[in-house]
């Protein structure tokens, strides 16, 4: 775990999807996207409450909605 701040690991299959870990040890899935020229960060859920595959499946509709 990082001593300060958060550390992110990005998914290689879904662009903008990452898992972040903080000093407390809590891990959360985050989706980064630009909407209206502004960087948006959407929390999808916590690990291990959901798997990577579940998170990828849930991320796709969000990506499509943001693109509209």
N, C-alpha and C. Protein backbone atom coordinates (compact mmCIF):
# COMPACT_ATOMS: atom_id res chain seq x y z
N UNK A 1 0.83 -1.18 0.00
CA UNK A 1 0.00 0.00 0.00
C UNK A 1 0.87 1.25 0.00
N UNK A 2 0.42 2.28 -0.68
CA UNK A 2 1.21 3.52 -0.70
C UNK A 2 1.19 4.19 0.67
N UNK A 3 2.28 4.85 1.00
CA UNK A 3 2.37 5.56 2.28
C UNK A 3 1.52 6.82 2.27
N UNK A 4 1.51 7.53 1.14
CA UNK A 4 0.73 8.76 1.01
C UNK A 4 -0.03 8.73 -0.31
N UNK A 5 -1.19 9.35 -0.33
CA UNK A 5 -1.96 9.43 -1.56
C UNK A 5 -2.51 8.10 -2.00
N UNK A 6 -2.89 8.03 -3.27
CA UNK A 6 -3.43 6.80 -3.85
C UNK A 6 -2.53 6.34 -4.99
N UNK A 7 -2.56 5.06 -5.22
CA UNK A 7 -1.81 4.47 -6.32
C UNK A 7 -2.80 3.79 -7.26
N UNK A 8 -2.64 4.00 -8.57
CA UNK A 8 -3.58 3.47 -9.55
C UNK A 8 -2.90 2.49 -10.49
N UNK A 9 -3.63 1.44 -10.84
CA UNK A 9 -3.21 0.49 -11.87
C UNK A 9 -4.32 0.48 -12.92
N UNK A 10 -3.95 0.74 -14.17
CA UNK A 10 -4.93 0.88 -15.24
C UNK A 10 -5.15 -0.44 -15.97
N UNK A 11 -6.39 -0.67 -16.35
CA UNK A 11 -6.79 -1.87 -17.06
C UNK A 11 -6.26 -1.82 -18.50
N UNK A 12 -5.87 -2.95 -19.03
CA UNK A 12 -5.35 -3.00 -20.40
C UNK A 12 -6.45 -3.29 -21.42
N UNK A 13 -7.64 -3.67 -20.97
CA UNK A 13 -8.73 -4.00 -21.89
C UNK A 13 -9.76 -2.89 -22.03
N UNK A 14 -9.99 -2.13 -20.97
CA UNK A 14 -10.98 -1.04 -21.01
C UNK A 14 -10.24 0.27 -20.73
N UNK A 15 -10.18 1.11 -21.74
CA UNK A 15 -9.48 2.39 -21.61
C UNK A 15 -10.15 3.26 -20.55
N UNK A 16 -9.35 3.78 -19.63
CA UNK A 16 -9.85 4.67 -18.59
C UNK A 16 -10.26 3.97 -17.31
N UNK A 17 -10.30 2.65 -17.31
CA UNK A 17 -10.67 1.90 -16.12
C UNK A 17 -9.42 1.64 -15.28
N UNK A 18 -9.53 1.88 -13.99
CA UNK A 18 -8.38 1.69 -13.10
C UNK A 18 -8.87 1.17 -11.75
N UNK A 19 -7.93 0.62 -11.00
CA UNK A 19 -8.20 0.28 -9.61
C UNK A 19 -7.22 1.11 -8.79
N UNK A 20 -7.75 1.77 -7.78
CA UNK A 20 -6.93 2.62 -6.93
C UNK A 20 -6.83 2.04 -5.54
N UNK A 21 -5.67 2.19 -4.92
CA UNK A 21 -5.45 1.72 -3.56
C UNK A 21 -4.88 2.87 -2.74
N UNK A 22 -5.43 3.06 -1.57
CA UNK A 22 -4.97 4.13 -0.69
C UNK A 22 -4.22 3.59 0.50
N UNK A 23 -3.72 4.47 1.35
CA UNK A 23 -2.97 4.05 2.53
C UNK A 23 -3.78 3.17 3.48
N UNK A 24 -5.10 3.32 3.45
CA UNK A 24 -5.96 2.53 4.34
C UNK A 24 -6.09 1.09 3.86
N UNK A 25 -5.71 0.83 2.61
CA UNK A 25 -5.81 -0.51 2.06
C UNK A 25 -7.09 -0.75 1.27
N UNK A 26 -8.01 0.20 1.27
CA UNK A 26 -9.24 0.06 0.51
C UNK A 26 -8.93 0.23 -0.98
N UNK A 27 -9.46 -0.70 -1.77
CA UNK A 27 -9.26 -0.67 -3.22
C UNK A 27 -10.60 -0.40 -3.89
N UNK A 28 -10.61 0.49 -4.87
CA UNK A 28 -11.84 0.84 -5.57
C UNK A 28 -11.59 0.94 -7.06
N UNK A 29 -12.61 0.53 -7.84
CA UNK A 29 -12.55 0.65 -9.29
C UNK A 29 -13.04 2.03 -9.69
N UNK A 30 -12.28 2.69 -10.56
CA UNK A 30 -12.56 4.05 -11.01
C UNK A 30 -12.56 4.06 -12.53
N UNK A 31 -13.50 4.82 -13.11
CA UNK A 31 -13.52 5.03 -14.55
C UNK A 31 -13.23 6.49 -14.82
N UNK A 32 -12.19 6.76 -15.60
CA UNK A 32 -11.82 8.13 -15.98
C UNK A 32 -12.29 8.39 -17.40
N UNK A 33 -13.03 9.48 -17.57
CA UNK A 33 -13.52 9.88 -18.88
C UNK A 33 -13.59 11.39 -18.96
N UNK A 34 -13.53 11.91 -20.19
CA UNK A 34 -13.73 13.34 -20.41
C UNK A 34 -15.18 13.56 -20.83
N UNK A 35 -15.84 14.50 -20.17
CA UNK A 35 -17.20 14.88 -20.52
C UNK A 35 -17.25 16.40 -20.52
N UNK A 36 -17.66 16.97 -21.65
CA UNK A 36 -17.71 18.43 -21.78
C UNK A 36 -16.35 19.07 -21.48
N UNK A 37 -15.30 18.45 -22.02
CA UNK A 37 -13.92 18.93 -21.86
C UNK A 37 -13.43 18.91 -20.42
N UNK A 38 -14.10 18.21 -19.56
CA UNK A 38 -13.71 18.12 -18.16
C UNK A 38 -13.46 16.65 -17.80
N UNK A 39 -12.36 16.40 -17.11
CA UNK A 39 -12.03 15.05 -16.68
C UNK A 39 -13.01 14.62 -15.58
N UNK A 40 -13.68 13.50 -15.79
CA UNK A 40 -14.63 12.96 -14.82
C UNK A 40 -14.05 11.69 -14.23
N UNK A 41 -14.30 11.49 -12.95
CA UNK A 41 -13.87 10.27 -12.26
C UNK A 41 -15.11 9.64 -11.66
N UNK A 42 -15.44 8.44 -12.12
CA UNK A 42 -16.64 7.75 -11.67
C UNK A 42 -16.23 6.51 -10.89
N UNK A 43 -16.67 6.43 -9.64
CA UNK A 43 -16.39 5.26 -8.82
C UNK A 43 -17.41 4.18 -9.17
N UNK A 44 -16.92 3.01 -9.56
CA UNK A 44 -17.80 1.92 -9.96
C UNK A 44 -18.08 0.98 -8.79
N UNK A 45 -17.10 0.73 -7.97
CA UNK A 45 -17.30 -0.17 -6.83
C UNK A 45 -15.98 -0.51 -6.18
N UNK A 46 -16.08 -1.27 -5.11
CA UNK A 46 -14.88 -1.67 -4.37
C UNK A 46 -14.46 -3.09 -4.71
N UNK A 47 -13.18 -3.30 -4.59
CA UNK A 47 -12.61 -4.64 -4.70
C UNK A 47 -12.44 -5.14 -3.27
N UNK A 48 -12.79 -6.33 -2.91
CA UNK A 48 -13.19 -7.49 -3.70
C UNK A 48 -14.70 -7.69 -3.81
N UNK A 49 -15.50 -6.66 -3.54
CA UNK A 49 -16.96 -6.80 -3.65
C UNK A 49 -17.38 -7.17 -5.06
N UNK A 50 -16.60 -6.75 -6.04
CA UNK A 50 -16.88 -7.11 -7.43
C UNK A 50 -15.58 -7.52 -8.10
N UNK A 51 -15.71 -8.35 -9.13
CA UNK A 51 -14.53 -8.82 -9.85
C UNK A 51 -14.15 -7.83 -10.95
N UNK A 52 -12.98 -8.04 -11.52
CA UNK A 52 -12.53 -7.20 -12.63
C UNK A 52 -13.47 -7.38 -13.82
N UNK A 53 -13.88 -8.61 -14.11
CA UNK A 53 -14.78 -8.86 -15.24
C UNK A 53 -16.13 -8.19 -15.04
N UNK A 54 -16.68 -8.24 -13.84
CA UNK A 54 -17.95 -7.56 -13.55
C UNK A 54 -17.81 -6.05 -13.75
N UNK A 55 -16.70 -5.52 -13.31
CA UNK A 55 -16.46 -4.08 -13.43
C UNK A 55 -16.31 -3.67 -14.88
N UNK A 56 -15.61 -4.47 -15.67
CA UNK A 56 -15.48 -4.17 -17.11
C UNK A 56 -16.85 -4.16 -17.78
N UNK A 57 -17.69 -5.15 -17.44
CA UNK A 57 -19.03 -5.22 -18.01
C UNK A 57 -19.86 -4.00 -17.63
N UNK A 58 -19.74 -3.54 -16.41
CA UNK A 58 -20.49 -2.38 -15.96
C UNK A 58 -19.93 -1.08 -16.54
N UNK A 59 -18.65 -1.04 -16.85
CA UNK A 59 -18.02 0.17 -17.37
C UNK A 59 -18.48 0.50 -18.79
N UNK A 60 -18.74 -0.50 -19.62
CA UNK A 60 -19.08 -0.23 -21.03
C UNK A 60 -20.32 0.63 -21.20
N UNK A 61 -21.45 0.35 -20.52
CA UNK A 61 -22.61 1.25 -20.67
C UNK A 61 -22.31 2.68 -20.21
N UNK A 62 -21.50 2.83 -19.18
CA UNK A 62 -21.13 4.16 -18.71
C UNK A 62 -20.32 4.90 -19.78
N UNK A 63 -19.40 4.20 -20.42
CA UNK A 63 -18.59 4.81 -21.48
C UNK A 63 -19.48 5.27 -22.63
N UNK A 64 -20.45 4.43 -23.02
CA UNK A 64 -21.36 4.78 -24.11
C UNK A 64 -22.20 6.00 -23.73
N UNK A 65 -22.73 6.03 -22.51
CA UNK A 65 -23.55 7.16 -22.07
C UNK A 65 -22.75 8.46 -22.06
N UNK A 66 -21.53 8.41 -21.61
CA UNK A 66 -20.69 9.61 -21.55
C UNK A 66 -20.37 10.10 -22.96
N UNK A 67 -20.21 9.18 -23.90
CA UNK A 67 -19.86 9.54 -25.28
C UNK A 67 -21.01 10.26 -26.00
N UNK A 68 -22.22 10.09 -25.52
CA UNK A 68 -23.38 10.71 -26.19
C UNK A 68 -23.48 12.15 -25.92
